[in-house]
Amino acid sequence: DLLDQERKLAQSGLGDLFDAVEIVSDKTPDVYSRIFARHDTAHQMMVGNSLRSDVIPAIEVGAWGVHVPHEFTWEYEHAEAPVTHRHFRQISTLADLPELIKGLS
């Protein structure tokens, strides 16, 4: 999964938008807290297609959670979108990410 995620990031051309990129398989608030604590930045963000595993745990520790829905999502990953949370955003495709980041800066 790590190599697959690295490949996807490289192909997307979005890596330069971030000061640091960390890819993890254990996606919990505790893991996100430890990752975000290592980086001196005011704009921490998790971008993913799973509300349950990617977005919500990141929001729970104070980061931005950006949901990029995918038509084929495993049933376990479904959760209610925290649409009223100030750190939640949803975009249609990763191509929308640069504009979103620009708007948050």
PDB file of N, CA and C in Angstrom:
ATOM      1  N   ASP A   1       0.823  -1.200   0.000  1.00  0.00           N
ATOM      2  CA  ASP A   1       0.000   0.000   0.000  1.00  0.00           C
ATOM      3  C   ASP A   1       0.866   1.262   0.000  1.00  0.00           C
ATOM      4  N   LEU A   2       1.985   1.245   0.718  1.00  0.00           N
ATOM      5  CA  LEU A   2       2.878   2.401   0.764  1.00  0.00           C
ATOM      6  C   LEU A   2       3.395   2.746  -0.627  1.00  0.00           C
ATOM      7  N   LEU A   3       3.871   1.748  -1.340  1.00  0.00           N
ATOM      8  CA  LEU A   3       4.391   1.994  -2.687  1.00  0.00           C
ATOM      9  C   LEU A   3       3.296   2.476  -3.625  1.00  0.00           C
ATOM     10  N   ASP A   4       2.102   1.920  -3.481  1.00  0.00           N
ATOM     11  CA  ASP A   4       0.974   2.335  -4.307  1.00  0.00           C
ATOM     12  C   ASP A   4       0.625   3.798  -4.041  1.00  0.00           C
ATOM     13  N   GLN A   5       0.599   4.184  -2.769  1.00  0.00           N
ATOM     14  CA  GLN A   5       0.290   5.573  -2.427  1.00  0.00           C
ATOM     15  C   GLN A   5       1.388   6.519  -2.911  1.00  0.00           C
ATOM     16  N   GLU A   6       2.637   6.113  -2.787  1.00  0.00           N
ATOM     17  CA  GLU A   6       3.742   6.940  -3.289  1.00  0.00           C
ATOM     18  C   GLU A   6       3.634   7.122  -4.799  1.00  0.00           C
ATOM     19  N   ARG A   7       3.287   6.054  -5.500  1.00  0.00           N
ATOM     20  CA  ARG A   7       3.119   6.125  -6.954  1.00  0.00           C
ATOM     21  C   ARG A   7       1.995   7.086  -7.315  1.00  0.00           C
ATOM     22  N   LYS A   8       0.861   6.968  -6.605  1.00  0.00           N
ATOM     23  CA  LYS A   8      -0.274   7.855  -6.879  1.00  0.00           C
ATOM     24  C   LYS A   8       0.095   9.318  -6.649  1.00  0.00           C
ATOM     25  N   LEU A   9       0.816   9.582  -5.567  1.00  0.00           N
ATOM     26  CA  LEU A   9       1.226  10.954  -5.276  1.00  0.00           C
ATOM     27  C   LEU A   9       2.148  11.485  -6.370  1.00  0.00           C
ATOM     28  N   ALA A  10       3.107  10.681  -6.782  1.00  0.00           N
ATOM     29  CA  ALA A  10       4.036  11.104  -7.833  1.00  0.00           C
ATOM     30  C   ALA A  10       3.297  11.380  -9.141  1.00  0.00           C
ATOM     31  N   GLN A  11       2.361  10.526  -9.500  1.00  0.00           N
ATOM     32  CA  GLN A  11       1.609  10.702 -10.742  1.00  0.00           C
ATOM     33  C   GLN A  11       0.691  11.920 -10.691  1.00  0.00           C
ATOM     34  N   SER A  12       0.217  12.264  -9.499  1.00  0.00           N
ATOM     35  CA  SER A  12      -0.721  13.382  -9.373  1.00  0.00           C
ATOM     36  C   SER A  12      -0.042  14.732  -9.569  1.00  0.00           C
ATOM     37  N   GLY A  13       1.257  14.811  -9.271  1.00  0.00           N
ATOM     38  CA  GLY A  13       1.948  16.081  -9.349  1.00  0.00           C
ATOM     39  C   GLY A  13       1.611  17.032  -8.211  1.00  0.00           C
ATOM     40  N   LEU A  14       0.941  16.538  -7.178  1.00  0.00           N
ATOM     41  CA  LEU A  14       0.494  17.390  -6.074  1.00  0.00           C
ATOM     42  C   LEU A  14       1.479  17.456  -4.912  1.00  0.00           C
ATOM     43  N   GLY A  15       2.506  16.647  -4.932  1.00  0.00           N
ATOM     44  CA  GLY A  15       3.441  16.592  -3.815  1.00  0.00           C
ATOM     45  C   GLY A  15       4.086  17.928  -3.491  1.00  0.00           C
ATOM     46  N   ASP A  16       4.314  18.760  -4.504  1.00  0.00           N
ATOM     47  CA  ASP A  16       4.955  20.054  -4.284  1.00  0.00           C
ATOM     48  C   ASP A  16       4.074  21.042  -3.531  1.00  0.00           C
ATOM     49  N   LEU A  17       2.800  20.733  -3.374  1.00  0.00           N
ATOM     50  CA  LEU A  17       1.903  21.610  -2.623  1.00  0.00           C
ATOM     51  C   LEU A  17       2.149  21.526  -1.121  1.00  0.00           C
ATOM     52  N   PHE A  18       2.881  20.511  -0.693  1.00  0.00           N
ATOM     53  CA  PHE A  18       3.041  20.234   0.732  1.00  0.00           C
ATOM     54  C   PHE A  18       4.499  20.315   1.148  1.00  0.00           C
ATOM     55  N   ASP A  19       4.723  20.792   2.374  1.00  0.00           N
ATOM     56  CA  ASP A  19       6.072  20.818   2.939  1.00  0.00           C
ATOM     57  C   ASP A  19       6.536  19.415   3.302  1.00  0.00           C
ATOM     58  N   ALA A  20       5.597  18.562   3.675  1.00  0.00           N
ATOM     59  CA  ALA A  20       5.915  17.178   4.042  1.00  0.00           C
ATOM     60  C   ALA A  20       4.727  16.293   3.697  1.00  0.00           C
ATOM     61  N   VAL A  21       5.016  15.073   3.324  1.00  0.00           N
ATOM     62  CA  VAL A  21       3.976  14.082   3.042  1.00  0.00           C
ATOM     63  C   VAL A  21       4.334  12.824   3.802  1.00  0.00           C
ATOM     64  N   GLU A  22       3.379  12.303   4.558  1.00  0.00           N
ATOM     65  CA  GLU A  22       3.580  11.049   5.290  1.00  0.00           C
ATOM     66  C   GLU A  22       2.454  10.104   4.905  1.00  0.00           C
ATOM     67  N   ILE A  23       2.811   8.883   4.599  1.00  0.00           N
ATOM     68  CA  ILE A  23       1.838   7.862   4.223  1.00  0.00           C
ATOM     69  C   ILE A  23       1.837   6.808   5.314  1.00  0.00           C
ATOM     70  N   VAL A  24       0.671   6.551   5.881  1.00  0.00           N
ATOM     71  CA  VAL A  24       0.561   5.593   6.982  1.00  0.00           C
ATOM     72  C   VAL A  24      -0.541   4.592   6.692  1.00  0.00           C
ATOM     73  N   SER A  25      -0.408   3.416   7.274  1.00  0.00           N
ATOM     74  CA  SER A  25      -1.468   2.417   7.135  1.00  0.00           C
ATOM     75  C   SER A  25      -2.373   2.416   8.358  1.00  0.00           C
ATOM     76  N   ASP A  26      -1.831   2.798   9.520  1.00  0.00           N
ATOM     77  CA  ASP A  26      -2.622   2.853  10.752  1.00  0.00           C
ATOM     78  C   ASP A  26      -3.153   4.272  10.897  1.00  0.00           C
ATOM     79  N   LYS A  27      -4.417   4.469  10.551  1.00  0.00           N
ATOM     80  CA  LYS A  27      -5.001   5.813  10.500  1.00  0.00           C
ATOM     81  C   LYS A  27      -5.907   6.040  11.705  1.00  0.00           C
ATOM     82  N   THR A  28      -5.298   6.508  12.784  1.00  0.00           N
ATOM     83  CA  THR A  28      -6.042   6.781  14.012  1.00  0.00           C
ATOM     84  C   THR A  28      -5.702   8.192  14.476  1.00  0.00           C
ATOM     85  N   PRO A  29      -6.551   8.774  15.334  1.00  0.00           N
ATOM     86  CA  PRO A  29      -6.213  10.098  15.864  1.00  0.00           C
ATOM     87  C   PRO A  29      -4.840  10.125  16.533  1.00  0.00           C
ATOM     88  N   ASP A  30      -4.469   9.058  17.245  1.00  0.00           N
ATOM     89  CA  ASP A  30      -3.165   9.016  17.909  1.00  0.00           C
ATOM     90  C   ASP A  30      -2.023   9.079  16.892  1.00  0.00           C
ATOM     91  N   VAL A  31      -2.134   8.308  15.841  1.00  0.00           N
ATOM     92  CA  VAL A  31      -1.100   8.317  14.797  1.00  0.00           C
ATOM     93  C   VAL A  31      -1.026   9.693  14.146  1.00  0.00           C
ATOM     94  N   TYR A  32      -2.172  10.259  13.810  1.00  0.00           N
ATOM     95  CA  TYR A  32      -2.178  11.589  13.199  1.00  0.00           C
ATOM     96  C   TYR A  32      -1.578  12.630  14.140  1.00  0.00           C
ATOM     97  N   SER A  33      -1.879  12.553  15.425  1.00  0.00           N
ATOM     98  CA  SER A  33      -1.317  13.502  16.396  1.00  0.00           C
ATOM     99  C   SER A  33       0.202  13.438  16.401  1.00  0.00           C
ATOM    100  N   ARG A  34       0.748  12.228  16.401  1.00  0.00           N
ATOM    101  CA  ARG A  34       2.205  12.075  16.391  1.00  0.00           C
ATOM    102  C   ARG A  34       2.827  12.610  15.104  1.00  0.00           C
ATOM    103  N   ILE A  35       2.177  12.355  13.990  1.00  0.00           N
ATOM    104  CA  ILE A  35       2.694  12.850  12.709  1.00  0.00           C
ATOM    105  C   ILE A  35       2.662  14.374  12.681  1.00  0.00           C
ATOM    106  N   PHE A  36       1.532  14.948  13.027  1.00  0.00           N
ATOM    107  CA  PHE A  36       1.391  16.398  12.953  1.00  0.00           C
ATOM    108  C   PHE A  36       2.309  17.104  13.945  1.00  0.00           C
ATOM    109  N   ALA A  37       2.623  16.465  15.061  1.00  0.00           N
ATOM    110  CA  ALA A  37       3.519  17.064  16.060  1.00  0.00           C
ATOM    111  C   ALA A  37       4.953  17.189  15.540  1.00  0.00           C
ATOM    112  N   ARG A  38       5.320  16.389  14.559  1.00  0.00           N
ATOM    113  CA  ARG A  38       6.677  16.425  13.995  1.00  0.00           C
ATOM    114  C   ARG A  38       6.881  17.572  13.011  1.00  0.00           C
ATOM    115  N   HIS A  39       5.810  18.192  12.598  1.00  0.00           N
ATOM    116  CA  HIS A  39       5.899  19.207  11.551  1.00  0.00           C
ATOM    117  C   HIS A  39       5.461  20.559  12.080  1.00  0.00           C
ATOM    118  N   ASP A  40       6.324  21.529  11.932  1.00  0.00           N
ATOM    119  CA  ASP A  40       6.035  22.880  12.392  1.00  0.00           C
ATOM    120  C   ASP A  40       5.267  23.611  11.295  1.00  0.00           C
ATOM    121  N   THR A  41       3.981  23.416  11.301  1.00  0.00           N
ATOM    122  CA  THR A  41       3.154  24.053  10.284  1.00  0.00           C
ATOM    123  C   THR A  41       1.784  24.370  10.854  1.00  0.00           C
ATOM    124  N   ALA A  42       1.216  25.443  10.390  1.00  0.00           N
ATOM    125  CA  ALA A  42      -0.116  25.838  10.856  1.00  0.00           C
ATOM    126  C   ALA A  42      -1.213  25.191  10.019  1.00  0.00           C
ATOM    127  N   HIS A  43      -0.834  24.603   8.903  1.00  0.00           N
ATOM    128  CA  HIS A  43      -1.835  24.042   7.997  1.00  0.00           C
ATOM    129  C   HIS A  43      -1.585  22.554   7.786  1.00  0.00           C
ATOM    130  N   GLN A  44      -2.099  21.760   8.680  1.00  0.00           N
ATOM    131  CA  GLN A  44      -1.961  20.309   8.563  1.00  0.00           C
ATOM    132  C   GLN A  44      -3.217  19.765   7.900  1.00  0.00           C
ATOM    133  N   MET A  45      -3.029  18.807   7.002  1.00  0.00           N
ATOM    134  CA  MET A  45      -4.149  18.356   6.191  1.00  0.00           C
ATOM    135  C   MET A  45      -4.020  16.875   5.874  1.00  0.00           C
ATOM    136  N   MET A  46      -5.160  16.204   5.919  1.00  0.00           N
ATOM    137  CA  MET A  46      -5.258  14.819   5.456  1.00  0.00           C
ATOM    138  C   MET A  46      -6.223  14.819   4.290  1.00  0.00           C
ATOM    139  N   VAL A  47      -5.801  14.253   3.182  1.00  0.00           N
ATOM    140  CA  VAL A  47      -6.633  14.159   1.990  1.00  0.00           C
ATOM    141  C   VAL A  47      -6.869  12.687   1.716  1.00  0.00           C
ATOM    142  N   GLY A  48      -8.125  12.288   1.591  1.00  0.00           N
ATOM    143  CA  GLY A  48      -8.395  10.884   1.336  1.00  0.00           C
ATOM    144  C   GLY A  48      -9.816  10.622   0.893  1.00  0.00           C
ATOM    145  N   ASN A  49     -10.058   9.375   0.511  1.00  0.00           N
ATOM    146  CA  ASN A  49     -11.388   9.004   0.034  1.00  0.00           C
ATOM    147  C   ASN A  49     -12.234   8.323   1.102  1.00  0.00           C
ATOM    148  N   SER A  50     -11.690   8.155   2.299  1.00  0.00           N
ATOM    149  CA  SER A  50     -12.439   7.521   3.377  1.00  0.00           C
ATOM    150  C   SER A  50     -12.740   8.527   4.478  1.00  0.00           C
ATOM    151  N   LEU A  51     -14.010   8.765   4.704  1.00  0.00           N
ATOM    152  CA  LEU A  51     -14.387   9.637   5.814  1.00  0.00           C
ATOM    153  C   LEU A  51     -13.944   9.022   7.132  1.00  0.00           C
ATOM    154  N   ARG A  52     -14.227   7.737   7.307  1.00  0.00           N
ATOM    155  CA  ARG A  52     -13.961   7.067   8.584  1.00  0.00           C
ATOM    156  C   ARG A  52     -12.467   6.958   8.900  1.00  0.00           C
ATOM    157  N   SER A  53     -11.661   6.577   7.944  1.00  0.00           N
ATOM    158  CA  SER A  53     -10.243   6.317   8.217  1.00  0.00           C
ATOM    159  C   SER A  53      -9.326   7.500   7.933  1.00  0.00           C
ATOM    160  N   ASP A  54      -9.646   8.297   6.949  1.00  0.00           N
ATOM    161  CA  ASP A  54      -8.759   9.387   6.548  1.00  0.00           C
ATOM    162  C   ASP A  54      -9.163  10.725   7.166  1.00  0.00           C
ATOM    163  N   VAL A  55     -10.375  11.124   6.904  1.00  0.00           N
ATOM    164  CA  VAL A  55     -10.807  12.495   7.170  1.00  0.00           C
ATOM    165  C   VAL A  55     -11.185  12.750   8.626  1.00  0.00           C
ATOM    166  N   ILE A  56     -12.069  11.957   9.174  1.00  0.00           N
ATOM    167  CA  ILE A  56     -12.572  12.211  10.528  1.00  0.00           C
ATOM    168  C   ILE A  56     -11.470  12.132  11.587  1.00  0.00           C
ATOM    169  N   PRO A  57     -10.592  11.121  11.574  1.00  0.00           N
ATOM    170  CA  PRO A  57      -9.525  11.105  12.588  1.00  0.00           C
ATOM    171  C   PRO A  57      -8.612  12.332  12.514  1.00  0.00           C
ATOM    172  N   ALA A  58      -8.352  12.832  11.319  1.00  0.00           N
ATOM    173  CA  ALA A  58      -7.512  14.026  11.184  1.00  0.00           C
ATOM    174  C   ALA A  58      -8.209  15.248  11.767  1.00  0.00           C
ATOM    175  N   ILE A  59      -9.486  15.384  11.487  1.00  0.00           N
ATOM    176  CA  ILE A  59     -10.255  16.504  12.036  1.00  0.00           C
ATOM    177  C   ILE A  59     -10.288  16.433  13.556  1.00  0.00           C
ATOM    178  N   GLU A  60     -10.389  15.234  14.093  1.00  0.00           N
ATOM    179  CA  GLU A  60     -10.450  15.058  15.549  1.00  0.00           C
ATOM    180  C   GLU A  60      -9.204  15.581  16.258  1.00  0.00           C
ATOM    181  N   VAL A  61      -8.081  15.652  15.564  1.00  0.00           N
ATOM    182  CA  VAL A  61      -6.857  16.163  16.189  1.00  0.00           C
ATOM    183  C   VAL A  61      -6.511  17.570  15.708  1.00  0.00           C
ATOM    184  N   GLY A  62      -7.452  18.238  15.053  1.00  0.00           N
ATOM    185  CA  GLY A  62      -7.285  19.641  14.701  1.00  0.00           C
ATOM    186  C   GLY A  62      -6.777  19.943  13.310  1.00  0.00           C
ATOM    187  N   ALA A  63      -6.608  18.930  12.481  1.00  0.00           N
ATOM    188  CA  ALA A  63      -6.119  19.149  11.118  1.00  0.00           C
ATOM    189  C   ALA A  63      -7.295  19.361  10.167  1.00  0.00           C
ATOM    190  N   TRP A  64      -6.972  19.795   8.971  1.00  0.00           N
ATOM    191  CA  TRP A  64      -7.974  19.849   7.915  1.00  0.00           C
ATOM    192  C   TRP A  64      -8.210  18.431   7.403  1.00  0.00           C
ATOM    193  N   GLY A  65      -9.451  18.102   7.147  1.00  0.00           N
ATOM    194  CA  GLY A  65      -9.806  16.824   6.555  1.00  0.00           C
ATOM    195  C   GLY A  65     -10.475  17.070   5.219  1.00  0.00           C
ATOM    196  N   VAL A  66      -9.856  16.609   4.152  1.00  0.00           N
ATOM    197  CA  VAL A  66     -10.382  16.825   2.809  1.00  0.00           C
ATOM    198  C   VAL A  66     -10.826  15.485   2.236  1.00  0.00           C
ATOM    199  N   HIS A  67     -12.107  15.398   1.947  1.00  0.00           N
ATOM    200  CA  HIS A  67     -12.685  14.163   1.420  1.00  0.00           C
ATOM    201  C   HIS A  67     -12.779  14.252  -0.098  1.00  0.00           C
ATOM    202  N   VAL A  68     -12.249  13.231  -0.748  1.00  0.00           N
ATOM    203  CA  VAL A  68     -12.356  13.095  -2.198  1.00  0.00           C
ATOM    204  C   VAL A  68     -13.126  11.799  -2.437  1.00  0.00           C
ATOM    205  N   PRO A  69     -14.450  11.891  -2.586  1.00  0.00           N
ATOM    206  CA  PRO A  69     -15.257  10.670  -2.709  1.00  0.00           C
ATOM    207  C   PRO A  69     -14.834   9.812  -3.899  1.00  0.00           C
ATOM    208  N   HIS A  70     -14.985   8.525  -3.716  1.00  0.00           N
ATOM    209  CA  HIS A  70     -14.697   7.560  -4.775  1.00  0.00           C
ATOM    210  C   HIS A  70     -15.936   6.691  -4.916  1.00  0.00           C
ATOM    211  N   GLU A  71     -16.318   6.373  -6.133  1.00  0.00           N
ATOM    212  CA  GLU A  71     -17.556   5.623  -6.333  1.00  0.00           C
ATOM    213  C   GLU A  71     -17.506   4.217  -5.749  1.00  0.00           C
ATOM    214  N   PHE A  72     -16.315   3.658  -5.605  1.00  0.00           N
ATOM    215  CA  PHE A  72     -16.188   2.320  -5.042  1.00  0.00           C
ATOM    216  C   PHE A  72     -15.502   2.409  -3.683  1.00  0.00           C
ATOM    217  N   THR A  73     -16.285   2.609  -2.646  1.00  0.00           N
ATOM    218  CA  THR A  73     -15.748   2.709  -1.293  1.00  0.00           C
ATOM    219  C   THR A  73     -16.245   1.529  -0.481  1.00  0.00           C
ATOM    220  N   TRP A  74     -15.334   0.881   0.205  1.00  0.00           N
ATOM    221  CA  TRP A  74     -15.647  -0.255   1.055  1.00  0.00           C
ATOM    222  C   TRP A  74     -16.689   0.164   2.085  1.00  0.00           C
ATOM    223  N   GLU A  75     -17.665  -0.671   2.352  1.00  0.00           N
ATOM    224  CA  GLU A  75     -18.764  -0.348   3.266  1.00  0.00           C
ATOM    225  C   GLU A  75     -18.265   0.122   4.630  1.00  0.00           C
ATOM    226  N   TYR A  76     -17.201  -0.479   5.144  1.00  0.00           N
ATOM    227  CA  TYR A  76     -16.660  -0.094   6.448  1.00  0.00           C
ATOM    228  C   TYR A  76     -16.249   1.377   6.481  1.00  0.00           C
ATOM    229  N   GLU A  77     -15.822   1.900   5.362  1.00  0.00           N
ATOM    230  CA  GLU A  77     -15.301   3.266   5.302  1.00  0.00           C
ATOM    231  C   GLU A  77     -16.384   4.336   5.274  1.00  0.00           C
ATOM    232  N   HIS A  78     -17.632   3.939   5.134  1.00  0.00           N
ATOM    233  CA  HIS A  78     -18.717   4.919   5.098  1.00  0.00           C
ATOM    234  C   HIS A  78     -18.950   5.511   6.477  1.00  0.00           C
ATOM    235  N   ALA A  79     -19.174   6.801   6.513  1.00  0.00           N
ATOM    236  CA  ALA A  79     -19.497   7.522   7.743  1.00  0.00           C
ATOM    237  C   ALA A  79     -20.226   8.794   7.329  1.00  0.00           C
ATOM    238  N   GLU A  80     -20.851   9.420   8.286  1.00  0.00           N
ATOM    239  CA  GLU A  80     -21.536  10.676   7.993  1.00  0.00           C
ATOM    240  C   GLU A  80     -20.500  11.792   7.857  1.00  0.00           C
ATOM    241  N   ALA A  81     -20.605  12.540   6.797  1.00  0.00           N
ATOM    242  CA  ALA A  81     -19.663  13.636   6.565  1.00  0.00           C
ATOM    243  C   ALA A  81     -19.886  14.736   7.598  1.00  0.00           C
ATOM    244  N   PRO A  82     -18.817  15.215   8.224  1.00  0.00           N
ATOM    245  CA  PRO A  82     -18.949  16.282   9.224  1.00  0.00           C
ATOM    246  C   PRO A  82     -19.058  17.652   8.552  1.00  0.00           C
ATOM    247  N   VAL A  83     -20.118  17.824   7.771  1.00  0.00           N
ATOM    248  CA  VAL A  83     -20.248  18.995   6.901  1.00  0.00           C
ATOM    249  C   VAL A  83     -20.266  20.327   7.645  1.00  0.00           C
ATOM    250  N   THR A  84     -20.614  20.328   8.922  1.00  0.00           N
ATOM    251  CA  THR A  84     -20.650  21.588   9.661  1.00  0.00           C
ATOM    252  C   THR A  84     -19.332  21.901  10.365  1.00  0.00           C
ATOM    253  N   HIS A  85     -18.385  20.991  10.321  1.00  0.00           N
ATOM    254  CA  HIS A  85     -17.099  21.228  10.987  1.00  0.00           C
ATOM    255  C   HIS A  85     -16.267  22.195  10.149  1.00  0.00           C
ATOM    256  N   ARG A  86     -15.661  23.167  10.791  1.00  0.00           N
ATOM    257  CA  ARG A  86     -14.920  24.200  10.053  1.00  0.00           C
ATOM    258  C   ARG A  86     -13.669  23.667   9.355  1.00  0.00           C
ATOM    259  N   HIS A  87     -13.166  22.507   9.764  1.00  0.00           N
ATOM    260  CA  HIS A  87     -11.974  21.939   9.126  1.00  0.00           C
ATOM    261  C   HIS A  87     -12.301  20.854   8.102  1.00  0.00           C
ATOM    262  N   PHE A  88     -13.559  20.713   7.745  1.00  0.00           N
ATOM    263  CA  PHE A  88     -13.948  19.708   6.750  1.00  0.00           C
ATOM    264  C   PHE A  88     -14.161  20.370   5.401  1.00  0.00           C
ATOM    265  N   ARG A  89     -13.606  19.744   4.383  1.00  0.00           N
ATOM    266  CA  ARG A  89     -13.857  20.161   3.009  1.00  0.00           C
ATOM    267  C   ARG A  89     -14.047  18.910   2.159  1.00  0.00           C
ATOM    268  N   GLN A  90     -14.812  19.065   1.086  1.00  0.00           N
ATOM    269  CA  GLN A  90     -14.994  17.968   0.138  1.00  0.00           C
ATOM    270  C   GLN A  90     -14.750  18.520  -1.251  1.00  0.00           C
ATOM    271  N   ILE A  91     -13.989  17.783  -2.029  1.00  0.00           N
ATOM    272  CA  ILE A  91     -13.723  18.163  -3.408  1.00  0.00           C
ATOM    273  C   ILE A  91     -14.096  16.993  -4.312  1.00  0.00           C
ATOM    274  N   SER A  92     -14.364  17.300  -5.562  1.00  0.00           N
ATOM    275  CA  SER A  92     -14.780  16.259  -6.506  1.00  0.00           C
ATOM    276  C   SER A  92     -13.622  15.404  -6.976  1.00  0.00           C
ATOM    277  N   THR A  93     -12.498  16.050  -7.236  1.00  0.00           N
ATOM    278  CA  THR A  93     -11.316  15.335  -7.719  1.00  0.00           C
ATOM    279  C   THR A  93     -10.067  15.962  -7.105  1.00  0.00           C
ATOM    280  N   LEU A  94      -8.961  15.248  -7.163  1.00  0.00           N
ATOM    281  CA  LEU A  94      -7.701  15.790  -6.664  1.00  0.00           C
ATOM    282  C   LEU A  94      -7.261  17.023  -7.448  1.00  0.00           C
ATOM    283  N   ALA A  95      -7.754  17.174  -8.665  1.00  0.00           N
ATOM    284  CA  ALA A  95      -7.422  18.362  -9.455  1.00  0.00           C
ATOM    285  C   ALA A  95      -7.930  19.634  -8.784  1.00  0.00           C
ATOM    286  N   ASP A  96      -8.912  19.512  -7.899  1.00  0.00           N
ATOM    287  CA  ASP A  96      -9.458  20.665  -7.179  1.00  0.00           C
ATOM    288  C   ASP A  96      -8.623  21.050  -5.958  1.00  0.00           C
ATOM    289  N   LEU A  97      -7.665  20.218  -5.585  1.00  0.00           N
ATOM    290  CA  LEU A  97      -6.901  20.445  -4.358  1.00  0.00           C
ATOM    291  C   LEU A  97      -6.053  21.721  -4.374  1.00  0.00           C
ATOM    292  N   PRO A  98      -5.329  22.039  -5.448  1.00  0.00           N
ATOM    293  CA  PRO A  98      -4.530  23.274  -5.416  1.00  0.00           C
ATOM    294  C   PRO A  98      -5.366  24.524  -5.122  1.00  0.00           C
ATOM    295  N   GLU A  99      -6.523  24.620  -5.726  1.00  0.00           N
ATOM    296  CA  GLU A  99      -7.387  25.786  -5.490  1.00  0.00           C
ATOM    297  C   GLU A  99      -7.900  25.809  -4.057  1.00  0.00           C
ATOM    298  N   LEU A 100      -8.231  24.652  -3.523  1.00  0.00           N
ATOM    299  CA  LEU A 100      -8.680  24.578  -2.128  1.00  0.00           C
ATOM    300  C   LEU A 100      -7.570  25.042  -1.193  1.00  0.00           C
ATOM    301  N   ILE A 101      -6.369  24.540  -1.393  1.00  0.00           N
ATOM    302  CA  ILE A 101      -5.245  24.926  -0.537  1.00  0.00           C
ATOM    303  C   ILE A 101      -4.983  26.428  -0.643  1.00  0.00           C
ATOM    304  N   LYS A 102      -5.045  26.948  -1.843  1.00  0.00           N
ATOM    305  CA  LYS A 102      -4.852  28.387  -2.044  1.00  0.00           C
ATOM    306  C   LYS A 102      -5.897  29.178  -1.263  1.00  0.00           C
ATOM    307  N   GLY A 103      -7.131  28.710  -1.275  1.00  0.00           N
ATOM    308  CA  GLY A 103      -8.203  29.396  -0.559  1.00  0.00           C
ATOM    309  C   GLY A 103      -8.067  29.329   0.949  1.00  0.00           C
ATOM    310  N   LEU A 104      -7.393  28.313   1.454  1.00  0.00           N
ATOM    311  CA  LEU A 104      -7.210  28.169   2.900  1.00  0.00           C
ATOM    312  C   LEU A 104      -6.007  28.954   3.406  1.00  0.00           C
ATOM    313  N   SER A 105      -5.124  29.347   2.504  1.00  0.00           N
ATOM    314  CA  SER A 105      -3.891  30.046   2.912  1.00  0.00           C
ATOM    315  C   SER A 105      -4.170  31.470   3.326  1.00  0.00           C
TER     316      SER A 105
END
